[in-house]
Amino acid sequence: MLKKIVGTLGQVAEAGGSIVGVRNGTEEPPFTVERTVGGVEIRRYEPRIAAETTIDADEEKARNEGFRRLAGYIFGGNTTKTKIAMTAPVSQQSSEKIAMTAPVAAQRGESGEWVIRFFMPSEHSMDALPTPKDDRVRLVKVPAERVAVLKFSGTASLDAIASRTAELLNTLRDNNIKTKGTPFTWFYDPPWTLPFRRRNEVVVSLGAAR
């Protein structure tokens, strides 16, 4: 009984912390900041594994539906009924650019489809991860890559994302940094986090890491 009470209190504390942007125990894919240019971080990410799903819907609906599908997988909707720890960020991006992205990102391709990704905790290998029961969820290997990242807080509205994306691309252009593919957005906090405490990032690939 005591263990159950302690566990419940821990969940309450974690939920309360997420309201103000405190990410207790939430793993993020490790990265190295190579340099910072005009507020834009040039990061290097090593190879990692993600669970992803493709949604044909508008941006917000795709994000919500994709989150539910992937949450079902990590909360036990898999062949071994294993619960997998949640990580941040969640990634939303166009289906055509999936091979060139990393940690949620928002981007839409000509097909109108969005790919939503949850990155798996680093302790798991592809062979050790359970198979999703939902055949719309798949496990993929994400190669090492370099990306340019601009952080921003507040609600990630379409206008906010567009403004920050323009700022990101202008900064890179002014510093003669070439990009690869179209930009996307990463989301680190749940919808109930206070807007001024949310961490969002607009991101663009600079190509595979060497």
N, C-alpha and C. Protein backbone atom coordinates (compact mmCIF):
# COMPACT_ATOMS: atom_id res chain seq x y z
N MET A 1 0.83 -1.21 0.00
CA MET A 1 0.00 0.00 0.00
C MET A 1 0.87 1.26 0.00
N LEU A 2 1.93 1.25 0.84
CA LEU A 2 2.81 2.42 0.91
C LEU A 2 3.46 2.69 -0.43
N LYS A 3 3.88 1.60 -1.11
CA LYS A 3 4.52 1.74 -2.42
C LYS A 3 3.55 2.37 -3.41
N LYS A 4 2.28 1.95 -3.34
CA LYS A 4 1.27 2.49 -4.25
C LYS A 4 1.04 3.96 -3.99
N ILE A 5 0.99 4.34 -2.70
CA ILE A 5 0.79 5.76 -2.35
C ILE A 5 1.95 6.61 -2.83
N VAL A 6 3.17 6.11 -2.61
CA VAL A 6 4.36 6.85 -3.04
C VAL A 6 4.36 7.02 -4.56
N GLY A 7 3.98 5.93 -5.27
CA GLY A 7 3.92 6.00 -6.73
C GLY A 7 2.91 7.02 -7.21
N THR A 8 1.74 7.05 -6.56
CA THR A 8 0.69 8.00 -6.92
C THR A 8 1.14 9.43 -6.68
N LEU A 9 1.78 9.65 -5.52
CA LEU A 9 2.28 11.00 -5.21
C LEU A 9 3.33 11.44 -6.24
N GLY A 10 4.14 10.49 -6.67
CA GLY A 10 5.15 10.81 -7.68
C GLY A 10 4.52 11.22 -8.99
N GLN A 11 3.47 10.52 -9.39
CA GLN A 11 2.77 10.86 -10.63
C GLN A 11 2.12 12.23 -10.54
N VAL A 12 1.54 12.53 -9.38
CA VAL A 12 0.91 13.84 -9.17
C VAL A 12 1.96 14.94 -9.25
N ALA A 13 3.09 14.71 -8.60
CA ALA A 13 4.16 15.71 -8.61
C ALA A 13 4.69 15.93 -10.01
N GLU A 14 4.83 14.84 -10.76
CA GLU A 14 5.33 14.95 -12.14
C GLU A 14 4.35 15.70 -13.01
N ALA A 15 3.05 15.40 -12.86
CA ALA A 15 2.02 16.09 -13.64
C ALA A 15 1.99 17.57 -13.30
N GLY A 16 2.12 17.86 -12.00
CA GLY A 16 2.13 19.26 -11.59
C GLY A 16 3.34 20.00 -12.13
N GLY A 17 4.49 19.30 -12.14
CA GLY A 17 5.69 19.93 -12.68
C GLY A 17 5.58 20.22 -14.15
N SER A 18 4.89 19.35 -14.90
CA SER A 18 4.77 19.55 -16.35
C SER A 18 3.96 20.78 -16.68
N ILE A 19 3.09 21.22 -15.77
CA ILE A 19 2.31 22.43 -16.01
C ILE A 19 3.22 23.64 -16.15
N VAL A 20 4.31 23.65 -15.40
CA VAL A 20 5.23 24.80 -15.44
C VAL A 20 6.52 24.46 -16.19
N GLY A 21 6.49 23.39 -16.98
CA GLY A 21 7.62 23.08 -17.83
C GLY A 21 8.75 22.34 -17.15
N VAL A 22 8.47 21.65 -16.04
CA VAL A 22 9.48 20.84 -15.38
C VAL A 22 9.36 19.42 -15.90
N ARG A 23 10.40 18.91 -16.58
CA ARG A 23 10.35 17.60 -17.22
C ARG A 23 11.08 16.56 -16.38
N ASN A 24 10.48 16.15 -15.26
CA ASN A 24 11.10 15.20 -14.36
C ASN A 24 11.26 13.83 -15.01
N GLY A 25 12.51 13.35 -15.10
CA GLY A 25 12.75 12.00 -15.58
C GLY A 25 12.47 11.76 -17.05
N THR A 26 12.26 12.81 -17.82
CA THR A 26 11.98 12.65 -19.25
C THR A 26 13.29 12.71 -20.03
N GLU A 27 13.64 11.61 -20.66
CA GLU A 27 14.89 11.56 -21.41
C GLU A 27 14.77 12.30 -22.73
N GLU A 28 15.83 12.98 -23.12
CA GLU A 28 15.92 13.60 -24.44
C GLU A 28 17.10 13.00 -25.18
N PRO A 29 17.00 12.87 -26.50
CA PRO A 29 18.15 12.36 -27.25
C PRO A 29 19.36 13.25 -27.02
N PRO A 30 20.50 12.69 -26.66
CA PRO A 30 21.69 13.51 -26.42
C PRO A 30 22.19 14.14 -27.71
N PHE A 31 22.77 15.33 -27.57
CA PHE A 31 23.33 16.01 -28.73
C PHE A 31 24.52 16.85 -28.31
N THR A 32 25.30 17.24 -29.28
CA THR A 32 26.44 18.13 -29.05
C THR A 32 26.19 19.43 -29.80
N VAL A 33 26.36 20.55 -29.12
CA VAL A 33 26.24 21.85 -29.78
C VAL A 33 27.61 22.21 -30.35
N GLU A 34 27.70 22.22 -31.66
CA GLU A 34 28.97 22.50 -32.32
C GLU A 34 29.31 23.98 -32.25
N ARG A 35 28.29 24.81 -32.39
CA ARG A 35 28.46 26.26 -32.28
C ARG A 35 27.09 26.92 -32.28
N THR A 36 27.07 28.21 -31.94
CA THR A 36 25.84 28.99 -31.95
C THR A 36 26.04 30.20 -32.86
N VAL A 37 25.10 30.41 -33.76
CA VAL A 37 25.18 31.50 -34.72
C VAL A 37 23.92 32.34 -34.63
N GLY A 38 24.02 33.56 -34.11
CA GLY A 38 22.86 34.44 -34.03
C GLY A 38 21.68 33.83 -33.30
N GLY A 39 21.93 33.09 -32.24
CA GLY A 39 20.86 32.47 -31.47
C GLY A 39 20.44 31.11 -31.99
N VAL A 40 21.01 30.68 -33.11
CA VAL A 40 20.71 29.37 -33.71
C VAL A 40 21.80 28.38 -33.29
N GLU A 41 21.38 27.25 -32.73
CA GLU A 41 22.32 26.21 -32.35
C GLU A 41 22.55 25.24 -33.50
N ILE A 42 23.81 24.94 -33.78
CA ILE A 42 24.16 23.89 -34.73
C ILE A 42 24.45 22.64 -33.90
N ARG A 43 23.57 21.64 -34.00
CA ARG A 43 23.68 20.46 -33.17
C ARG A 43 24.02 19.21 -33.99
N ARG A 44 24.66 18.29 -33.30
CA ARG A 44 24.93 16.97 -33.87
C ARG A 44 24.22 15.93 -33.02
N TYR A 45 23.42 15.09 -33.64
CA TYR A 45 22.74 13.98 -32.98
C TYR A 45 23.32 12.67 -33.48
N GLU A 46 23.49 11.72 -32.57
CA GLU A 46 23.96 10.40 -32.93
C GLU A 46 22.76 9.54 -33.37
N PRO A 47 23.01 8.36 -33.93
CA PRO A 47 21.89 7.50 -34.36
C PRO A 47 20.95 7.18 -33.20
N ARG A 48 19.67 7.08 -33.49
CA ARG A 48 18.69 6.76 -32.47
C ARG A 48 17.53 6.01 -33.12
N ILE A 49 16.61 5.54 -32.30
CA ILE A 49 15.47 4.75 -32.77
C ILE A 49 14.19 5.51 -32.46
N ALA A 50 13.23 5.44 -33.36
CA ALA A 50 11.95 6.12 -33.14
C ALA A 50 10.80 5.20 -33.51
N ALA A 51 9.67 5.41 -32.82
CA ALA A 51 8.40 4.82 -33.24
C ALA A 51 7.67 5.92 -33.98
N GLU A 52 7.13 5.63 -35.15
CA GLU A 52 6.49 6.67 -35.94
C GLU A 52 5.21 6.17 -36.57
N THR A 53 4.36 7.13 -36.94
CA THR A 53 3.12 6.82 -37.64
C THR A 53 2.82 7.95 -38.61
N THR A 54 2.12 7.65 -39.69
CA THR A 54 1.78 8.65 -40.72
C THR A 54 0.29 8.96 -40.66
N ILE A 55 -0.04 10.26 -40.67
CA ILE A 55 -1.43 10.71 -40.58
C ILE A 55 -1.75 11.62 -41.76
N ASP A 56 -2.87 11.37 -42.43
CA ASP A 56 -3.33 12.23 -43.52
C ASP A 56 -4.44 13.12 -42.97
N ALA A 57 -4.06 14.27 -42.43
CA ALA A 57 -5.02 15.20 -41.81
C ALA A 57 -4.35 16.56 -41.69
N ASP A 58 -5.10 17.56 -41.19
CA ASP A 58 -4.48 18.85 -40.99
C ASP A 58 -3.50 18.77 -39.82
N GLU A 59 -2.70 19.80 -39.64
CA GLU A 59 -1.56 19.75 -38.71
C GLU A 59 -1.96 19.37 -37.29
N GLU A 60 -2.92 20.08 -36.71
CA GLU A 60 -3.28 19.83 -35.31
C GLU A 60 -3.92 18.47 -35.13
N LYS A 61 -4.84 18.11 -36.03
CA LYS A 61 -5.50 16.81 -35.93
C LYS A 61 -4.50 15.68 -36.09
N ALA A 62 -3.55 15.84 -37.00
CA ALA A 62 -2.53 14.82 -37.22
C ALA A 62 -1.68 14.65 -35.98
N ARG A 63 -1.34 15.74 -35.35
CA ARG A 63 -0.51 15.69 -34.15
C ARG A 63 -1.24 14.94 -33.03
N ASN A 64 -2.51 15.26 -32.84
CA ASN A 64 -3.29 14.62 -31.77
C ASN A 64 -3.49 13.13 -32.02
N GLU A 65 -3.86 12.79 -33.27
CA GLU A 65 -4.09 11.39 -33.60
C GLU A 65 -2.79 10.58 -33.54
N GLY A 66 -1.73 11.17 -34.05
CA GLY A 66 -0.45 10.49 -34.02
C GLY A 66 0.03 10.25 -32.60
N PHE A 67 -0.17 11.24 -31.74
CA PHE A 67 0.23 11.10 -30.34
C PHE A 67 -0.52 9.93 -29.70
N ARG A 68 -1.82 9.82 -29.98
CA ARG A 68 -2.61 8.74 -29.38
C ARG A 68 -2.12 7.37 -29.85
N ARG A 69 -1.84 7.25 -31.14
CA ARG A 69 -1.35 5.96 -31.66
C ARG A 69 -0.04 5.56 -31.00
N LEU A 70 0.90 6.50 -30.94
CA LEU A 70 2.21 6.18 -30.40
C LEU A 70 2.17 5.99 -28.90
N ALA A 71 1.31 6.76 -28.22
CA ALA A 71 1.16 6.57 -26.78
C ALA A 71 0.61 5.17 -26.50
N GLY A 72 -0.29 4.69 -27.35
CA GLY A 72 -0.81 3.35 -27.20
C GLY A 72 0.30 2.32 -27.24
N TYR A 73 1.28 2.53 -28.13
CA TYR A 73 2.40 1.61 -28.25
C TYR A 73 3.27 1.61 -26.99
N ILE A 74 3.67 2.80 -26.53
CA ILE A 74 4.60 2.83 -25.39
C ILE A 74 3.92 2.52 -24.06
N PHE A 75 2.58 2.62 -24.03
CA PHE A 75 1.87 2.30 -22.79
C PHE A 75 1.40 0.84 -22.75
N GLY A 76 1.96 0.00 -23.63
CA GLY A 76 1.67 -1.42 -23.55
C GLY A 76 0.99 -2.01 -24.76
N GLY A 77 0.72 -1.22 -25.79
CA GLY A 77 0.07 -1.74 -26.98
C GLY A 77 1.07 -2.39 -27.92
N ASN A 78 1.75 -3.41 -27.41
CA ASN A 78 2.77 -4.10 -28.18
C ASN A 78 2.73 -5.59 -27.85
N THR A 79 3.51 -6.37 -28.55
CA THR A 79 3.41 -7.83 -28.46
C THR A 79 3.77 -8.38 -27.08
N THR A 80 4.57 -7.64 -26.32
CA THR A 80 4.95 -8.12 -24.99
C THR A 80 4.27 -7.33 -23.87
N LYS A 81 3.38 -6.40 -24.25
CA LYS A 81 2.67 -5.54 -23.29
C LYS A 81 3.64 -4.76 -22.39
N THR A 82 4.80 -4.43 -22.95
CA THR A 82 5.83 -3.70 -22.23
C THR A 82 5.54 -2.20 -22.24
N LYS A 83 5.70 -1.54 -21.08
CA LYS A 83 5.58 -0.10 -21.02
C LYS A 83 6.95 0.51 -21.24
N ILE A 84 7.01 1.49 -22.14
CA ILE A 84 8.26 2.14 -22.51
C ILE A 84 8.21 3.59 -22.04
N ALA A 85 9.29 4.07 -21.46
CA ALA A 85 9.32 5.43 -20.92
C ALA A 85 9.11 6.46 -22.01
N MET A 86 8.35 7.50 -21.68
CA MET A 86 8.12 8.62 -22.59
C MET A 86 9.39 9.47 -22.67
N THR A 87 9.70 9.95 -23.86
CA THR A 87 10.84 10.84 -24.04
C THR A 87 10.37 12.16 -24.65
N ALA A 88 11.25 13.11 -24.77
CA ALA A 88 10.95 14.39 -25.41
C ALA A 88 12.12 14.75 -26.31
N PRO A 89 11.88 15.46 -27.40
CA PRO A 89 10.59 15.94 -27.86
C PRO A 89 9.83 14.90 -28.68
N VAL A 90 8.57 15.24 -29.01
CA VAL A 90 7.79 14.48 -29.98
C VAL A 90 7.99 15.18 -31.31
N SER A 91 8.06 14.42 -32.39
CA SER A 91 8.40 15.01 -33.68
C SER A 91 7.25 14.90 -34.67
N GLN A 92 6.94 16.01 -35.33
CA GLN A 92 5.94 16.02 -36.41
C GLN A 92 6.57 16.64 -37.63
N GLN A 93 6.48 15.93 -38.74
CA GLN A 93 7.14 16.41 -39.94
C GLN A 93 6.49 15.81 -41.18
N SER A 94 6.85 16.32 -42.33
CA SER A 94 6.28 15.79 -43.57
C SER A 94 6.79 14.40 -43.84
N SER A 95 5.95 13.57 -44.41
CA SER A 95 6.32 12.17 -44.66
C SER A 95 7.49 12.06 -45.63
N GLU A 96 7.67 13.04 -46.50
CA GLU A 96 8.72 12.96 -47.50
C GLU A 96 10.09 13.28 -46.93
N LYS A 97 10.16 13.87 -45.73
CA LYS A 97 11.42 14.29 -45.17
C LYS A 97 11.86 13.46 -43.97
N ILE A 98 11.22 12.35 -43.75
CA ILE A 98 11.44 11.59 -42.53
C ILE A 98 12.88 11.14 -42.35
N ALA A 99 13.57 10.84 -43.43
CA ALA A 99 14.93 10.31 -43.29
C ALA A 99 15.92 11.35 -42.82
N MET A 100 15.58 12.63 -42.93
CA MET A 100 16.55 13.66 -42.63
C MET A 100 16.26 14.42 -41.34
N THR A 101 15.37 13.90 -40.49
CA THR A 101 15.05 14.65 -39.30
C THR A 101 15.46 13.94 -38.03
N ALA A 102 15.36 14.68 -36.95
CA ALA A 102 15.63 14.14 -35.64
C ALA A 102 14.58 14.62 -34.66
N PRO A 103 14.76 14.48 -33.24
CA PRO A 103 13.69 14.59 -32.26
C PRO A 103 12.50 15.30 -32.76
N VAL A 104 8.64 17.08 -30.66
CA VAL A 104 7.75 16.83 -31.79
C VAL A 104 8.12 17.88 -32.84
N ALA A 105 8.22 17.57 -34.25
CA ALA A 105 8.54 18.50 -35.33
C ALA A 105 7.34 18.68 -36.24
N ALA A 106 7.14 19.89 -36.75
CA ALA A 106 5.98 20.11 -37.61
C ALA A 106 6.43 20.55 -38.99
N GLN A 107 5.97 19.85 -39.99
CA GLN A 107 6.32 20.16 -41.37
C GLN A 107 5.38 19.39 -42.27
N ARG A 108 4.97 19.97 -43.38
CA ARG A 108 4.04 19.28 -44.27
C ARG A 108 4.58 19.22 -45.68
N GLY A 109 4.43 18.08 -46.31
CA GLY A 109 4.87 17.89 -47.68
C GLY A 109 3.73 18.01 -48.66
N GLU A 110 4.03 17.85 -49.93
CA GLU A 110 3.02 17.98 -50.96
C GLU A 110 1.94 16.90 -50.83
N SER A 111 2.29 15.77 -50.24
CA SER A 111 1.34 14.68 -50.10
C SER A 111 0.25 15.01 -49.08
N GLY A 112 0.49 16.00 -48.23
CA GLY A 112 -0.48 16.36 -47.20
C GLY A 112 -0.42 15.46 -45.99
N GLU A 113 0.54 14.54 -45.94
CA GLU A 113 0.66 13.63 -44.82
C GLU A 113 1.70 14.13 -43.82
N TRP A 114 1.48 13.77 -42.55
CA TRP A 114 2.40 14.12 -41.48
C TRP A 114 2.92 12.85 -40.84
N VAL A 115 4.17 12.87 -40.44
CA VAL A 115 4.75 11.76 -39.71
C VAL A 115 5.02 12.23 -38.28
N ILE A 116 4.46 11.49 -37.32
CA ILE A 116 4.63 11.79 -35.91
C ILE A 116 5.59 10.76 -35.33
N ARG A 117 6.55 11.22 -34.52
CA ARG A 117 7.56 10.33 -33.97
C ARG A 117 7.70 10.48 -32.47
N PHE A 118 7.87 9.35 -31.80
CA PHE A 118 8.35 9.30 -30.43
C PHE A 118 9.74 8.66 -30.49
N PHE A 119 10.72 9.29 -29.87
CA PHE A 119 12.05 8.69 -29.83
C PHE A 119 12.14 7.72 -28.65
N MET A 120 12.73 6.58 -28.91
CA MET A 120 12.83 5.55 -27.89
C MET A 120 13.97 5.84 -26.92
N PRO A 121 13.81 5.46 -25.66
CA PRO A 121 14.90 5.64 -24.69
C PRO A 121 16.18 4.98 -25.19
N SER A 122 17.32 5.59 -24.88
CA SER A 122 18.60 5.13 -25.42
C SER A 122 18.98 3.73 -24.97
N GLU A 123 18.37 3.24 -23.90
CA GLU A 123 18.71 1.91 -23.39
C GLU A 123 18.20 0.79 -24.30
N HIS A 124 17.27 1.10 -25.21
CA HIS A 124 16.67 0.08 -26.05
C HIS A 124 17.38 -0.05 -27.40
N SER A 125 17.55 -1.28 -27.85
CA SER A 125 18.04 -1.55 -29.20
C SER A 125 16.85 -1.92 -30.07
N MET A 126 17.05 -1.90 -31.38
CA MET A 126 15.97 -2.25 -32.29
C MET A 126 15.49 -3.68 -32.05
N ASP A 127 16.43 -4.59 -31.81
CA ASP A 127 16.08 -5.99 -31.61
C ASP A 127 15.31 -6.22 -30.30
N ALA A 128 15.59 -5.37 -29.30
CA ALA A 128 14.98 -5.57 -27.99
C ALA A 128 13.60 -4.93 -27.87
N LEU A 129 13.29 -3.98 -28.72
CA LEU A 129 12.00 -3.29 -28.63
C LEU A 129 10.86 -4.21 -29.07
N PRO A 130 9.73 -4.17 -28.36
CA PRO A 130 8.59 -5.02 -28.75
C PRO A 130 7.94 -4.51 -30.03
N THR A 131 7.31 -5.39 -30.76
CA THR A 131 6.62 -5.04 -32.00
C THR A 131 5.28 -4.38 -31.70
N PRO A 132 4.95 -3.26 -32.35
CA PRO A 132 3.66 -2.61 -32.12
C PRO A 132 2.50 -3.51 -32.54
N LYS A 133 1.42 -3.48 -31.78
CA LYS A 133 0.22 -4.21 -32.18
C LYS A 133 -0.52 -3.48 -33.30
N ASP A 134 -0.45 -2.16 -33.30
CA ASP A 134 -1.07 -1.35 -34.33
C ASP A 134 -0.15 -1.32 -35.55
N ASP A 135 -0.60 -1.87 -36.68
CA ASP A 135 0.27 -1.93 -37.85
C ASP A 135 0.51 -0.57 -38.49
N ARG A 136 -0.14 0.47 -37.97
CA ARG A 136 0.13 1.83 -38.45
C ARG A 136 1.33 2.44 -37.74
N VAL A 137 1.83 1.77 -36.72
CA VAL A 137 3.01 2.21 -35.97
C VAL A 137 4.20 1.36 -36.38
N ARG A 138 5.31 1.98 -36.68
CA ARG A 138 6.50 1.25 -37.10
C ARG A 138 7.73 1.78 -36.35
N LEU A 139 8.73 0.94 -36.21
CA LEU A 139 10.00 1.32 -35.59
C LEU A 139 11.02 1.60 -36.68
N VAL A 140 11.74 2.71 -36.55
CA VAL A 140 12.72 3.09 -37.58
C VAL A 140 14.03 3.51 -36.92
N LYS A 141 15.11 3.32 -37.66
CA LYS A 141 16.42 3.81 -37.23
C LYS A 141 16.63 5.21 -37.82
N VAL A 142 17.01 6.15 -36.99
CA VAL A 142 17.28 7.52 -37.43
C VAL A 142 18.80 7.71 -37.45
N PRO A 143 19.37 8.01 -38.59
CA PRO A 143 20.83 8.13 -38.67
C PRO A 143 21.37 9.36 -37.98
N ALA A 144 22.65 9.36 -37.72
CA ALA A 144 23.31 10.54 -37.14
C ALA A 144 23.15 11.71 -38.10
N GLU A 145 22.97 12.89 -37.56
CA GLU A 145 22.77 14.06 -38.42
C GLU A 145 23.13 15.35 -37.71
N ARG A 146 23.27 16.39 -38.52
CA ARG A 146 23.50 17.75 -38.01
C ARG A 146 22.27 18.58 -38.34
N VAL A 147 21.82 19.38 -37.39
CA VAL A 147 20.64 20.21 -37.58
C VAL A 147 20.90 21.60 -37.03
N ALA A 148 20.16 22.56 -37.54
CA ALA A 148 20.16 23.92 -37.01
C ALA A 148 18.85 24.12 -36.26
N VAL A 149 18.93 24.66 -35.04
CA VAL A 149 17.77 24.73 -34.15
C VAL A 149 17.61 26.13 -33.57
N LEU A 150 16.37 26.62 -33.61
CA LEU A 150 16.04 27.90 -32.96
C LEU A 150 14.94 27.64 -31.94
N LYS A 151 15.22 27.92 -30.67
CA LYS A 151 14.25 27.68 -29.60
C LYS A 151 13.26 28.84 -29.51
N PHE A 152 12.03 28.53 -29.08
CA PHE A 152 11.07 29.58 -28.74
C PHE A 152 10.04 29.02 -27.77
N SER A 153 9.46 29.90 -26.98
CA SER A 153 8.45 29.50 -26.01
C SER A 153 7.08 29.98 -26.48
N GLY A 154 6.05 29.70 -25.68
CA GLY A 154 4.70 30.14 -26.03
C GLY A 154 3.96 29.08 -26.83
N THR A 155 2.76 29.43 -27.26
CA THR A 155 1.94 28.52 -28.05
C THR A 155 2.51 28.39 -29.46
N ALA A 156 2.65 27.17 -29.93
CA ALA A 156 3.23 26.94 -31.26
C ALA A 156 2.15 27.05 -32.33
N SER A 157 1.64 28.27 -32.51
CA SER A 157 0.63 28.51 -33.54
C SER A 157 1.29 28.50 -34.91
N LEU A 158 0.49 28.42 -35.96
CA LEU A 158 1.04 28.43 -37.31
C LEU A 158 1.81 29.72 -37.58
N ASP A 159 1.28 30.84 -37.08
CA ASP A 159 1.95 32.13 -37.28
C ASP A 159 3.29 32.17 -36.55
N ALA A 160 3.30 31.65 -35.32
CA ALA A 160 4.53 31.64 -34.53
C ALA A 160 5.59 30.77 -35.20
N ILE A 161 5.17 29.61 -35.66
CA ILE A 161 6.10 28.70 -36.33
C ILE A 161 6.65 29.32 -37.61
N ALA A 162 5.78 29.96 -38.39
CA ALA A 162 6.21 30.59 -39.63
C ALA A 162 7.21 31.71 -39.37
N SER A 163 6.94 32.51 -38.33
CA SER A 163 7.83 33.62 -37.99
C SER A 163 9.20 33.12 -37.55
N ARG A 164 9.21 32.12 -36.67
CA ARG A 164 10.47 31.57 -36.18
C ARG A 164 11.23 30.84 -37.27
N THR A 165 10.51 30.17 -38.16
CA THR A 165 11.16 29.47 -39.25
C THR A 165 11.86 30.46 -40.18
N ALA A 166 11.18 31.57 -40.47
CA ALA A 166 11.80 32.61 -41.31
C ALA A 166 13.06 33.16 -40.64
N GLU A 167 12.98 33.36 -39.32
CA GLU A 167 14.15 33.85 -38.57
C GLU A 167 15.30 32.85 -38.65
N LEU A 168 14.98 31.57 -38.49
CA LEU A 168 16.00 30.52 -38.57
C LEU A 168 16.68 30.51 -39.93
N LEU A 169 15.87 30.48 -41.00
CA LEU A 169 16.43 30.39 -42.34
C LEU A 169 17.21 31.64 -42.73
N ASN A 170 16.73 32.81 -42.30
CA ASN A 170 17.44 34.06 -42.60
C ASN A 170 18.80 34.09 -41.91
N THR A 171 18.84 33.61 -40.68
CA THR A 171 20.11 33.58 -39.94
C THR A 171 21.11 32.66 -40.62
N LEU A 172 20.65 31.50 -41.04
CA LEU A 172 21.54 30.55 -41.72
C LEU A 172 22.01 31.09 -43.06
N ARG A 173 21.10 31.72 -43.79
CA ARG A 173 21.46 32.29 -45.09
C ARG A 173 22.50 33.41 -44.92
N ASP A 174 22.29 34.25 -43.93
CA ASP A 174 23.22 35.36 -43.70
C ASP A 174 24.61 34.89 -43.30
N ASN A 175 24.68 33.66 -42.78
CA ASN A 175 25.97 33.11 -42.36
C ASN A 175 26.47 32.02 -43.31
N ASN A 176 25.87 31.98 -44.50
CA ASN A 176 26.31 31.05 -45.56
C ASN A 176 26.30 29.59 -45.11
N ILE A 177 25.28 29.22 -44.35
CA ILE A 177 25.12 27.83 -43.91
C ILE A 177 24.04 27.18 -44.76
N LYS A 178 24.40 26.14 -45.49
CA LYS A 178 23.46 25.48 -46.38
C LYS A 178 22.58 24.49 -45.63
N THR A 179 21.32 24.44 -46.02
CA THR A 179 20.37 23.53 -45.38
C THR A 179 20.01 22.40 -46.34
N LYS A 180 19.36 21.37 -45.78
CA LYS A 180 18.93 20.24 -46.59
C LYS A 180 17.52 19.87 -46.20
N GLY A 181 16.58 19.96 -47.13
CA GLY A 181 15.19 19.65 -46.83
C GLY A 181 14.46 20.87 -46.28
N THR A 182 13.21 20.68 -45.93
CA THR A 182 12.38 21.76 -45.42
C THR A 182 12.35 21.74 -43.89
N PRO A 183 12.11 22.89 -43.26
CA PRO A 183 12.11 22.96 -41.80
C PRO A 183 10.94 22.21 -41.17
N PHE A 184 11.07 21.91 -39.89
CA PHE A 184 10.02 21.27 -39.11
C PHE A 184 10.09 21.82 -37.69
N THR A 185 9.23 21.32 -36.81
CA THR A 185 9.16 21.86 -35.45
C THR A 185 9.16 20.75 -34.42
N TRP A 186 9.85 20.96 -33.31
CA TRP A 186 9.88 20.01 -32.20
C TRP A 186 9.10 20.57 -31.02
N PHE A 187 8.34 19.70 -30.35
CA PHE A 187 7.54 20.09 -29.20
C PHE A 187 7.96 19.27 -27.98
N TYR A 188 8.27 19.92 -26.88
CA TYR A 188 8.80 19.25 -25.71
C TYR A 188 7.80 19.11 -24.56
N ASP A 189 6.70 19.83 -24.60
CA ASP A 189 5.80 19.87 -23.46
C ASP A 189 4.37 19.53 -23.85
N PRO A 190 3.59 19.00 -22.90
CA PRO A 190 2.19 18.68 -23.17
C PRO A 190 1.35 19.95 -23.28
N PRO A 191 0.14 19.84 -23.83
CA PRO A 191 -0.70 21.04 -24.05
C PRO A 191 -1.05 21.80 -22.78
N TRP A 192 -1.03 21.12 -21.63
CA TRP A 192 -1.43 21.81 -20.39
C TRP A 192 -0.29 22.61 -19.76
N THR A 193 0.92 22.54 -20.31
CA THR A 193 2.01 23.36 -19.80
C THR A 193 1.71 24.83 -20.07
N LEU A 194 1.97 25.69 -19.09
CA LEU A 194 1.75 27.13 -19.28
C LEU A 194 2.54 27.61 -20.50
N PRO A 195 1.90 28.37 -21.40
CA PRO A 195 2.56 28.76 -22.65
C PRO A 195 3.95 29.37 -22.48
N PHE A 196 4.13 30.24 -21.48
CA PHE A 196 5.42 30.90 -21.35
C PHE A 196 6.51 29.95 -20.84
N ARG A 197 6.11 28.74 -20.40
CA ARG A 197 7.08 27.75 -19.93
C ARG A 197 7.32 26.64 -20.97
N ARG A 198 6.63 26.71 -22.09
CA ARG A 198 6.79 25.66 -23.09
C ARG A 198 8.10 25.83 -23.86
N ARG A 199 8.65 24.70 -24.24
CA ARG A 199 9.85 24.70 -25.07
C ARG A 199 9.49 24.14 -26.43
N ASN A 200 9.63 24.97 -27.44
CA ASN A 200 9.42 24.56 -28.83
C ASN A 200 10.69 24.89 -29.60
N GLU A 201 10.90 24.21 -30.71
CA GLU A 201 12.07 24.48 -31.54
C GLU A 201 11.73 24.32 -33.01
N VAL A 202 12.15 25.28 -33.82
CA VAL A 202 12.08 25.09 -35.27
C VAL A 202 13.44 24.59 -35.71
N VAL A 203 13.43 23.64 -36.63
CA VAL A 203 14.63 22.88 -36.95
C VAL A 203 14.73 22.69 -38.46
N VAL A 204 15.96 22.65 -38.95
CA VAL A 204 16.19 22.27 -40.36
C VAL A 204 17.46 21.44 -40.42
N SER A 205 17.44 20.43 -41.25
CA SER A 205 18.59 19.55 -41.38
C SER A 205 19.73 20.22 -42.15
N LEU A 206 20.94 19.90 -41.72
CA LEU A 206 22.12 20.34 -42.45
C LEU A 206 22.81 19.17 -43.14
N GLY A 207 22.16 18.01 -43.05
CA GLY A 207 22.70 16.81 -43.71
C GLY A 207 23.19 15.78 -42.71
N ALA A 208 23.59 14.64 -43.22
CA ALA A 208 24.06 13.55 -42.37
C ALA A 208 25.35 13.95 -41.67
N ALA A 209 25.48 13.54 -40.40
CA ALA A 209 26.70 13.81 -39.65
C ALA A 209 27.83 12.94 -40.15
N ARG A 210 29.03 13.47 -40.18
CA ARG A 210 30.19 12.71 -40.68
C ARG A 210 31.08 12.32 -39.51
